Amino acid sequence: MIEVEVNSIRVSLMSQLRVVLLKDINTDRYLPIFIGQYEADNISIELQENRSHDRPLTHDLLKNIIENLDGEIKHIFVNDMRRDIYFARIVVDVNGEEREIDSRPSDAIALAVRAKCPIFVSEAVMDKGGVEPDEEIEIEMEDEPKRLPFNRTTPARDVPEELLEDPAEDTAPVDEDQFSAFADFVNSSLDLDELDDEDK
């Protein structure tokens, strides 16, 4: 297993998706993973100093539940990549018994930064998806920090691609026929000119 740390979260140039960069703590290799905006925000919030919330967020709640059931989050492990989708495990110690819970990497990472536990990546996954920084692109990044510092701009995903699409782009056009009855009511039953006269 290769220990990594959350290096940064970037915005993809190709879409509004986020990319979390996990850096090998012993080398210059990175593992980029496409994740959704909500998941990226949940990781970023915890990494920011002086964070405060009136109520626990979802990953805070999950951590609290595990701890209140006498569990201890030992580490998380990005253990597989199939069809360009990453898989992870949350490893929890419960009364001396180690249990592994299947998870999306983004949720596991959000939990790990809250539990202050190590993050590991399998060597096979790092060999498949790991990249090294491109020096020329890094120089160009100084004025555009949101660019990915790699030649590879399409890292594998956290979930199937269709679940990462921007919902705004998938919104169907409004069918005006659906509102025809309401429009007829407004036009026939309401005398808007009369309302204007009353305002005067």
Protein backbone atom coordinates (compact mmCIF):
# COMPACT_ATOMS: atom_id res chain seq x y z
CA MET A 1 0.00 0.00 0.00
CA ILE A 2 1.13 3.53 -0.81
CA GLU A 3 0.37 6.27 1.69
CA VAL A 4 -0.95 9.46 0.12
CA GLU A 5 -2.19 12.84 1.28
CA VAL A 6 -4.77 15.24 -0.13
CA ASN A 7 -2.66 17.67 -2.11
CA SER A 8 -5.39 19.88 -3.54
CA ILE A 9 -8.76 20.00 -5.23
CA ARG A 10 -8.88 21.51 -8.72
CA VAL A 11 -11.54 22.45 -11.23
CA SER A 12 -11.37 20.50 -14.47
CA LEU A 13 -10.91 22.60 -17.62
CA MET A 14 -13.21 20.21 -19.46
CA SER A 15 -16.22 20.57 -17.15
CA GLN A 16 -17.35 21.96 -13.80
CA LEU A 17 -16.31 18.75 -12.07
CA ARG A 18 -13.65 18.75 -9.40
CA VAL A 19 -10.48 16.69 -9.31
CA VAL A 20 -9.01 15.65 -5.97
CA LEU A 21 -5.25 15.10 -6.17
CA LEU A 22 -3.81 12.47 -3.85
CA LYS A 23 -0.02 12.74 -3.60
CA ASP A 24 2.29 9.86 -2.78
CA ILE A 25 4.06 11.06 0.38
CA ASN A 26 7.34 9.48 -0.73
CA THR A 27 7.45 10.38 -4.45
CA ASP A 28 6.18 12.95 -6.92
CA ARG A 29 3.35 10.75 -8.17
CA TYR A 30 -0.24 11.89 -7.90
CA LEU A 31 -3.54 10.06 -8.21
CA PRO A 32 -6.20 12.37 -9.73
CA ILE A 33 -9.84 11.38 -9.20
CA PHE A 34 -12.88 13.15 -10.69
CA ILE A 35 -15.44 13.82 -7.96
CA GLY A 36 -18.63 15.86 -7.71
CA GLN A 37 -18.80 19.42 -6.44
CA TYR A 38 -20.67 18.49 -3.25
CA GLU A 39 -18.07 15.87 -2.33
CA ALA A 40 -15.23 18.28 -3.15
CA ASP A 41 -16.80 20.92 -0.90
CA ASN A 42 -17.08 18.42 1.96
CA ILE A 43 -13.38 17.62 1.71
CA SER A 44 -12.35 21.28 1.33
CA ILE A 45 -14.43 22.46 4.27
CA GLU A 46 -12.63 20.12 6.64
CA LEU A 47 -9.18 21.05 5.31
CA GLN A 48 -9.79 24.75 5.89
CA GLU A 49 -8.65 26.15 9.19
CA ASN A 50 -11.13 27.56 11.70
CA ARG A 51 -14.09 25.75 10.20
CA SER A 52 -17.25 25.86 12.25
CA HIS A 53 -20.77 24.58 11.68
CA ASP A 54 -23.82 24.85 13.85
CA ARG A 55 -24.79 21.28 13.04
CA PRO A 56 -22.78 18.27 11.80
CA LEU A 57 -22.55 17.73 8.08
CA THR A 58 -23.10 14.26 6.61
CA HIS A 59 -19.49 13.10 6.96
CA ASP A 60 -19.27 14.56 10.47
CA LEU A 61 -22.39 12.57 11.31
CA LEU A 62 -20.89 9.36 9.91
CA LYS A 63 -17.72 9.87 11.95
CA ASN A 64 -19.79 10.53 15.09
CA ILE A 65 -21.90 7.41 14.54
CA ILE A 66 -18.81 5.20 14.12
CA GLU A 67 -17.19 6.63 17.24
CA ASN A 68 -20.38 6.38 19.31
CA LEU A 69 -20.63 2.71 18.38
CA ASP A 70 -17.11 2.22 19.78
CA GLY A 71 -15.50 2.08 16.37
CA GLU A 72 -12.22 3.68 15.35
CA ILE A 73 -11.48 4.64 11.76
CA LYS A 74 -8.01 3.20 11.19
CA HIS A 75 -7.44 4.22 7.57
CA ILE A 76 -9.05 4.40 4.16
CA PHE A 77 -7.83 2.46 1.17
CA VAL A 78 -8.38 3.21 -2.54
CA ASN A 79 -8.16 -0.43 -3.49
CA ASP A 80 -9.39 -0.86 -7.06
CA MET A 81 -10.13 0.78 -10.40
CA ARG A 82 -12.47 -0.91 -12.87
CA ARG A 83 -13.78 0.63 -16.11
CA ASP A 84 -12.25 3.97 -15.08
CA ILE A 85 -14.12 4.01 -11.76
CA TYR A 86 -12.25 3.99 -8.45
CA PHE A 87 -13.31 1.94 -5.43
CA ALA A 88 -12.36 2.44 -1.80
CA ARG A 89 -12.67 0.83 1.62
CA ILE A 90 -13.08 2.43 5.03
CA VAL A 91 -11.23 0.29 7.56
CA VAL A 92 -12.80 0.45 11.02
CA ASP A 93 -11.65 -1.21 14.24
CA VAL A 94 -14.58 -2.39 16.39
CA ASN A 95 -13.54 -3.92 19.70
CA GLY A 96 -10.32 -5.25 18.20
CA GLU A 97 -12.01 -6.60 15.07
CA GLU A 98 -11.08 -4.90 11.79
CA ARG A 99 -13.98 -4.36 9.40
CA GLU A 100 -13.90 -2.98 5.85
CA ILE A 101 -16.77 -0.89 4.48
CA ASP A 102 -17.20 -0.32 0.74
CA SER A 103 -17.18 3.37 -0.17
CA ARG A 104 -16.74 5.88 -2.94
CA PRO A 105 -13.25 7.38 -2.66
CA SER A 106 -14.64 10.91 -2.21
CA ASP A 107 -16.72 9.88 0.82
CA ALA A 108 -13.83 7.89 2.26
CA ILE A 109 -11.47 10.86 1.84
CA ALA A 110 -13.98 13.27 3.41
CA LEU A 111 -14.20 10.90 6.37
CA ALA A 112 -10.42 10.41 6.58
CA VAL A 113 -9.66 14.13 6.81
CA ARG A 114 -12.16 14.38 9.68
CA ALA A 115 -10.81 11.34 11.50
CA LYS A 116 -7.20 12.42 10.85
CA CYS A 117 -6.42 8.90 9.68
CA PRO A 118 -4.05 7.73 6.93
CA ILE A 119 -5.10 7.39 3.29
CA PHE A 120 -3.64 4.54 1.26
CA VAL A 121 -3.74 3.60 -2.42
CA SER A 122 -2.95 0.14 -3.76
CA GLU A 123 0.17 -0.12 -5.87
CA ALA A 124 -1.87 -1.52 -8.77
CA VAL A 125 -4.23 1.48 -8.70
CA MET A 126 -1.35 3.95 -8.52
CA ASP A 127 0.34 2.19 -11.45
CA LYS A 128 -2.87 2.45 -13.51
CA GLY A 129 -4.03 5.94 -12.62
CA GLY A 130 -1.00 7.70 -11.15
CA VAL A 131 0.62 10.58 -12.99
CA GLU A 132 3.67 12.78 -12.54
CA PRO A 133 3.62 16.57 -12.81
CA ASP A 134 4.46 18.10 -16.16
CA GLU A 135 7.03 20.87 -15.53
CA GLU A 136 5.97 23.06 -18.46
CA ILE A 137 2.32 23.02 -17.49
CA GLU A 138 3.21 23.70 -13.85
CA ILE A 139 5.00 26.90 -14.93
CA GLU A 140 1.91 28.01 -16.90
CA MET A 141 -0.22 27.27 -13.83
CA GLU A 142 1.26 30.12 -11.79
CA ASP A 143 -1.31 32.55 -13.21
CA GLU A 144 -4.06 29.95 -13.62
CA PRO A 145 -4.06 27.81 -10.47
CA LYS A 146 -7.22 25.93 -11.44
CA ARG A 147 -5.54 24.10 -14.30
CA LEU A 148 -4.61 20.48 -13.85
CA PRO A 149 -0.83 20.15 -13.53
CA PHE A 150 -0.75 17.11 -15.79
CA ASN A 151 -0.89 16.15 -19.43
CA ARG A 152 -3.73 13.79 -18.58
CA THR A 153 -6.90 15.90 -18.24
CA THR A 154 -9.39 13.04 -17.98
CA PRO A 155 -8.65 11.12 -14.76
CA ALA A 156 -10.83 8.21 -13.74
CA ARG A 157 -13.98 8.91 -11.80
CA ASP A 158 -15.44 8.39 -8.39
CA VAL A 159 -18.82 7.23 -9.78
CA PRO A 160 -20.19 6.35 -13.25
CA GLU A 161 -19.93 9.26 -15.68
CA GLU A 162 -23.68 9.80 -16.00
CA LEU A 163 -23.89 10.58 -12.27
CA LEU A 164 -21.26 13.29 -12.60
CA GLU A 165 -23.03 15.23 -15.35
CA ASP A 166 -24.04 18.80 -14.57
CA PRO A 167 -27.77 18.55 -13.75
CA ALA A 168 -28.36 21.98 -15.26
CA GLU A 169 -27.33 20.65 -18.66
CA ASP A 170 -29.76 17.73 -18.41
CA THR A 171 -32.81 19.83 -17.60
CA ALA A 172 -35.54 19.19 -20.16
CA PRO A 173 -37.10 22.21 -21.88
CA VAL A 174 -40.38 23.41 -20.38
CA ASP A 175 -43.46 22.06 -22.14
CA GLU A 176 -45.77 25.06 -22.33
CA ASP A 177 -48.79 22.81 -23.01
CA GLN A 178 -48.50 21.59 -19.41
CA PHE A 179 -49.42 25.07 -18.23
CA SER A 180 -52.20 25.79 -20.75
CA ALA A 181 -55.02 25.28 -18.22
CA PHE A 182 -53.38 27.76 -15.84
CA ALA A 183 -52.83 30.24 -18.65
CA ASP A 184 -56.49 29.94 -19.70
CA PHE A 185 -57.58 30.60 -16.11
CA VAL A 186 -55.42 33.70 -15.82
CA ASN A 187 -56.56 35.07 -19.17
CA SER A 188 -60.29 34.38 -18.71
CA SER A 189 -60.92 34.75 -14.98
CA LEU A 190 -58.71 37.60 -13.94
CA ASP A 191 -59.39 41.10 -15.14
CA LEU A 192 -55.92 42.56 -14.93
CA ASP A 193 -57.09 45.94 -16.22
CA GLU A 194 -59.49 46.15 -13.27
CA LEU A 195 -56.61 45.50 -10.86
CA ASP A 196 -54.65 48.32 -12.45
CA ASP A 197 -57.64 50.69 -11.96
CA GLU A 198 -57.89 49.78 -8.26
CA ASP A 199 -54.22 50.58 -7.72
CA LYS A 200 -54.81 54.07 -9.05
